[in-house]
Amino acid sequence: MALRNKYYIMRHGEAISNVKRLCSCWPEEFNNPLTTKGKKDIKTSAETLKDLTAQAGKNITLIFNSPLKRTKMSAEIAGKVLKLKPKPDKRLREIQFGIFNNKPLEAMWKQFKTEEERVNKGADGGESYNEILSRMMDFLRETDEKYKGKNILIISHECPLFLLQGKIMGLSIKETIKQLPTEKRIHKAEIRELN
């Protein structure tokens, strides 16, 4: 896919749900802010991005974020560093965990023996990987039509971002799962070039 803008992806910083190992999606059922470490890591990453893009003469011009508390807080911190007001977009939300929202991550993995099972099927009331990728690509296509020559930071969650990254690499979802196992996926507060 030929893109008219330069995109960077960032995963939110460490949040309470990460520390407690809980599924947390929309609607948010508990207060799930960034931890002190999460706030510090986001600030450091945003400062690094600011320096790198400034050196290349490519300052970030737009920030889009998932409206969940942890990504909103991450976007606000990055926005202060980059002197930009973030724009929330619900298509950038975390995977819809359905019946596992606010439950331990381990409970969800008892339903899915392999990650490949999630390509076409979500948990009850939840989303499949195909559905997540569809909304992420809808966001990217619309944004790329609306803007040209911009440097855009997208702040979201691990699953939506690794699926988007795989698609931009030209991979199917199953290939993305194989080529981007958990340890190679975007980490908390990490920033990567998308294209």
Protein backbone atom coordinates (compact mmCIF):
# COMPACT_ATOMS: atom_id res chain seq x y z
CA MET A 1 0.00 0.00 0.00
CA ALA A 2 1.52 3.32 -1.09
CA LEU A 3 1.06 5.91 1.66
CA ARG A 4 1.12 9.68 1.20
CA ASN A 5 2.23 10.37 4.77
CA LYS A 6 4.98 9.11 7.09
CA TYR A 7 3.53 7.13 10.01
CA TYR A 8 4.96 6.23 13.40
CA ILE A 9 3.24 3.87 15.80
CA MET A 10 3.46 3.98 19.57
CA ARG A 11 2.06 1.63 22.16
CA HIS A 12 0.73 3.17 25.37
CA GLY A 13 2.93 3.10 28.46
CA GLU A 14 2.61 0.60 31.29
CA ALA A 15 -0.87 0.76 32.86
CA ILE A 16 -2.53 -0.79 35.92
CA SER A 17 -4.03 -3.52 33.68
CA ASN A 18 -0.52 -4.52 32.53
CA VAL A 19 0.74 -4.80 36.10
CA LYS A 20 -2.33 -6.78 37.22
CA ARG A 21 -2.43 -8.80 33.95
CA LEU A 22 -6.06 -7.93 33.23
CA CYS A 23 -7.93 -7.62 29.93
CA SER A 24 -9.10 -4.02 29.58
CA CYS A 25 -11.08 -2.75 26.60
CA TRP A 26 -14.02 -0.49 25.80
CA PRO A 27 -16.15 0.08 27.80
CA GLU A 28 -13.56 0.55 30.54
CA GLU A 29 -14.86 -1.18 33.67
CA PHE A 30 -12.20 0.07 36.09
CA ASN A 31 -9.86 3.02 36.47
CA ASN A 32 -6.85 2.05 34.36
CA PRO A 33 -4.33 4.90 34.26
CA LEU A 34 -0.65 4.74 33.39
CA THR A 35 1.70 3.80 36.21
CA THR A 36 4.49 6.19 37.22
CA LYS A 37 6.85 4.05 35.12
CA GLY A 38 4.42 4.22 32.18
CA LYS A 39 4.31 8.03 32.29
CA LYS A 40 8.09 8.30 32.49
CA ASP A 41 8.64 5.83 29.63
CA ILE A 42 6.19 7.67 27.34
CA LYS A 43 7.88 11.01 28.02
CA THR A 44 11.31 9.52 27.26
CA SER A 45 10.08 7.88 24.03
CA ALA A 46 8.34 11.07 22.86
CA GLU A 47 11.49 13.12 23.53
CA THR A 48 13.57 10.61 21.54
CA LEU A 49 11.08 10.76 18.66
CA LYS A 50 11.12 14.57 18.75
CA ASP A 51 14.92 14.63 18.53
CA LEU A 52 15.11 12.01 15.75
CA THR A 53 12.45 13.61 13.59
CA ALA A 54 13.86 17.11 14.12
CA GLN A 55 17.30 15.95 13.00
CA ALA A 56 15.73 14.57 9.83
CA GLY A 57 13.67 17.75 9.34
CA LYS A 58 10.46 15.74 9.75
CA ASN A 59 8.72 17.01 12.88
CA ILE A 60 5.57 15.14 13.91
CA THR A 61 2.58 17.13 12.66
CA LEU A 62 -0.39 15.06 13.91
CA ILE A 63 -1.11 12.64 16.77
CA PHE A 64 -4.05 10.22 16.76
CA ASN A 65 -4.89 8.02 19.73
CA SER A 66 -7.22 5.39 21.06
CA PRO A 67 -9.66 7.03 23.52
CA LEU A 68 -9.01 4.49 26.31
CA LYS A 69 -7.55 6.08 29.45
CA ARG A 70 -4.04 4.60 29.12
CA THR A 71 -3.67 5.67 25.49
CA LYS A 72 -5.28 9.04 26.11
CA MET A 73 -2.79 9.70 28.93
CA SER A 74 0.08 8.53 26.70
CA ALA A 75 -1.09 10.85 23.91
CA GLU A 76 -1.37 13.81 26.28
CA ILE A 77 2.21 13.28 27.50
CA ALA A 78 3.52 12.86 23.94
CA GLY A 79 1.46 15.86 22.84
CA LYS A 80 3.10 18.09 25.46
CA VAL A 81 6.56 17.02 24.32
CA LEU A 82 5.69 17.43 20.62
CA LYS A 83 3.55 20.57 21.18
CA LEU A 84 0.50 19.01 19.50
CA LYS A 85 -3.08 18.34 20.54
CA PRO A 86 -3.89 14.63 20.07
CA LYS A 87 -7.02 13.57 18.18
CA PRO A 88 -8.89 10.55 19.59
CA ASP A 89 -10.29 7.96 17.19
CA LYS A 90 -12.31 4.97 18.41
CA ARG A 91 -11.00 2.77 15.58
CA LEU A 92 -7.64 2.75 17.39
CA ARG A 93 -9.13 1.10 20.51
CA GLU A 94 -7.81 -2.06 22.11
CA ILE A 95 -9.16 -5.41 20.91
CA GLN A 96 -12.71 -5.91 22.17
CA PHE A 97 -12.25 -8.72 24.70
CA GLY A 98 -16.00 -9.33 25.11
CA ILE A 99 -16.76 -11.56 28.10
CA PHE A 100 -13.11 -11.35 29.18
CA ASN A 101 -13.10 -7.58 29.74
CA ASN A 102 -11.80 -6.94 33.30
CA LYS A 103 -10.79 -10.62 33.63
CA PRO A 104 -7.29 -12.13 33.91
CA LEU A 105 -5.47 -12.55 30.58
CA GLU A 106 -4.96 -16.24 31.40
CA ALA A 107 -8.75 -16.79 31.35
CA MET A 108 -8.91 -15.64 27.72
CA TRP A 109 -6.04 -17.90 26.68
CA LYS A 110 -7.91 -20.90 28.08
CA GLN A 111 -10.55 -20.35 25.37
CA PHE A 112 -8.00 -19.93 22.56
CA LYS A 113 -5.40 -22.67 22.38
CA THR A 114 -3.50 -20.93 19.56
CA GLU A 115 -3.38 -17.36 18.37
CA GLU A 116 -4.39 -18.48 14.86
CA GLU A 117 -7.83 -19.37 16.27
CA ARG A 118 -8.40 -15.65 16.86
CA VAL A 119 -8.02 -14.68 13.18
CA ASN A 120 -11.68 -15.34 12.38
CA LYS A 121 -13.21 -15.69 15.84
CA GLY A 122 -13.31 -13.42 18.86
CA ALA A 123 -14.36 -14.20 22.40
CA ASP A 124 -18.13 -14.01 23.02
CA GLY A 125 -19.02 -10.35 22.48
CA GLY A 126 -15.48 -9.66 21.27
CA GLU A 127 -13.56 -9.09 18.05
CA SER A 128 -11.58 -11.34 15.75
CA TYR A 129 -8.20 -10.25 14.39
CA ASN A 130 -9.86 -9.74 10.97
CA GLU A 131 -12.30 -7.25 12.52
CA ILE A 132 -9.53 -5.37 14.33
CA LEU A 133 -7.41 -5.11 11.19
CA SER A 134 -10.43 -3.93 9.20
CA ARG A 135 -11.04 -0.95 11.49
CA MET A 136 -7.33 -0.11 11.70
CA MET A 137 -7.05 -0.11 7.90
CA ASP A 138 -10.22 1.97 7.65
CA PHE A 139 -8.56 4.56 9.91
CA LEU A 140 -5.31 4.47 7.91
CA ARG A 141 -7.00 4.78 4.50
CA GLU A 142 -9.20 7.67 5.65
CA THR A 143 -6.28 9.49 7.29
CA ASP A 144 -4.06 8.97 4.26
CA GLU A 145 -6.76 10.38 1.97
CA LYS A 146 -7.29 13.43 4.17
CA TYR A 147 -3.62 14.41 4.62
CA LYS A 148 -0.55 14.50 2.41
CA GLY A 149 3.11 14.88 3.33
CA LYS A 150 2.46 14.79 7.09
CA ASN A 151 4.39 12.98 9.82
CA ILE A 152 1.77 11.21 11.90
CA LEU A 153 2.03 9.45 15.26
CA ILE A 154 -0.57 6.75 16.00
CA ILE A 155 -0.91 5.77 19.68
CA SER A 156 -2.78 2.54 20.25
CA HIS A 157 -2.46 -0.94 21.77
CA GLU A 158 -0.29 -3.99 21.10
CA CYS A 159 -2.77 -6.13 19.15
CA PRO A 160 -4.14 -3.45 16.79
CA LEU A 161 -0.62 -2.11 16.15
CA PHE A 162 1.04 -5.44 15.42
CA LEU A 163 -1.77 -6.36 13.01
CA LEU A 164 -1.41 -2.99 11.25
CA GLN A 165 2.37 -3.36 11.11
CA GLY A 166 2.04 -6.80 9.51
CA LYS A 167 -0.41 -5.52 6.90
CA ILE A 168 1.93 -2.68 5.93
CA MET A 169 4.74 -5.25 5.66
CA GLY A 170 2.55 -7.08 3.10
CA LEU A 171 1.76 -10.05 5.36
CA SER A 172 -1.48 -11.94 5.90
CA ILE A 173 -2.67 -12.10 9.51
CA LYS A 174 -1.40 -15.68 9.87
CA GLU A 175 2.00 -14.64 8.47
CA THR A 176 2.02 -11.66 10.84
CA ILE A 177 1.46 -13.97 13.83
CA LYS A 178 4.39 -16.17 12.72
CA GLN A 179 6.80 -13.35 11.81
CA LEU A 180 5.89 -11.12 14.77
CA PRO A 181 5.67 -13.40 17.80
CA THR A 182 5.05 -11.68 21.15
CA GLU A 183 8.69 -10.82 21.79
CA LYS A 184 8.96 -9.04 18.40
CA ARG A 185 5.76 -7.01 18.80
CA ILE A 186 5.68 -3.38 19.82
CA HIS A 187 6.39 -3.02 23.54
CA LYS A 188 4.87 -0.61 26.02
CA ALA A 189 5.94 3.01 25.27
CA GLU A 190 7.88 1.86 22.18
CA ILE A 191 7.76 3.85 18.96
CA ARG A 192 8.33 2.28 15.54
CA GLU A 193 8.27 3.60 12.01
CA LEU A 194 5.27 2.10 10.22
CA ASN A 195 6.44 2.99 6.69
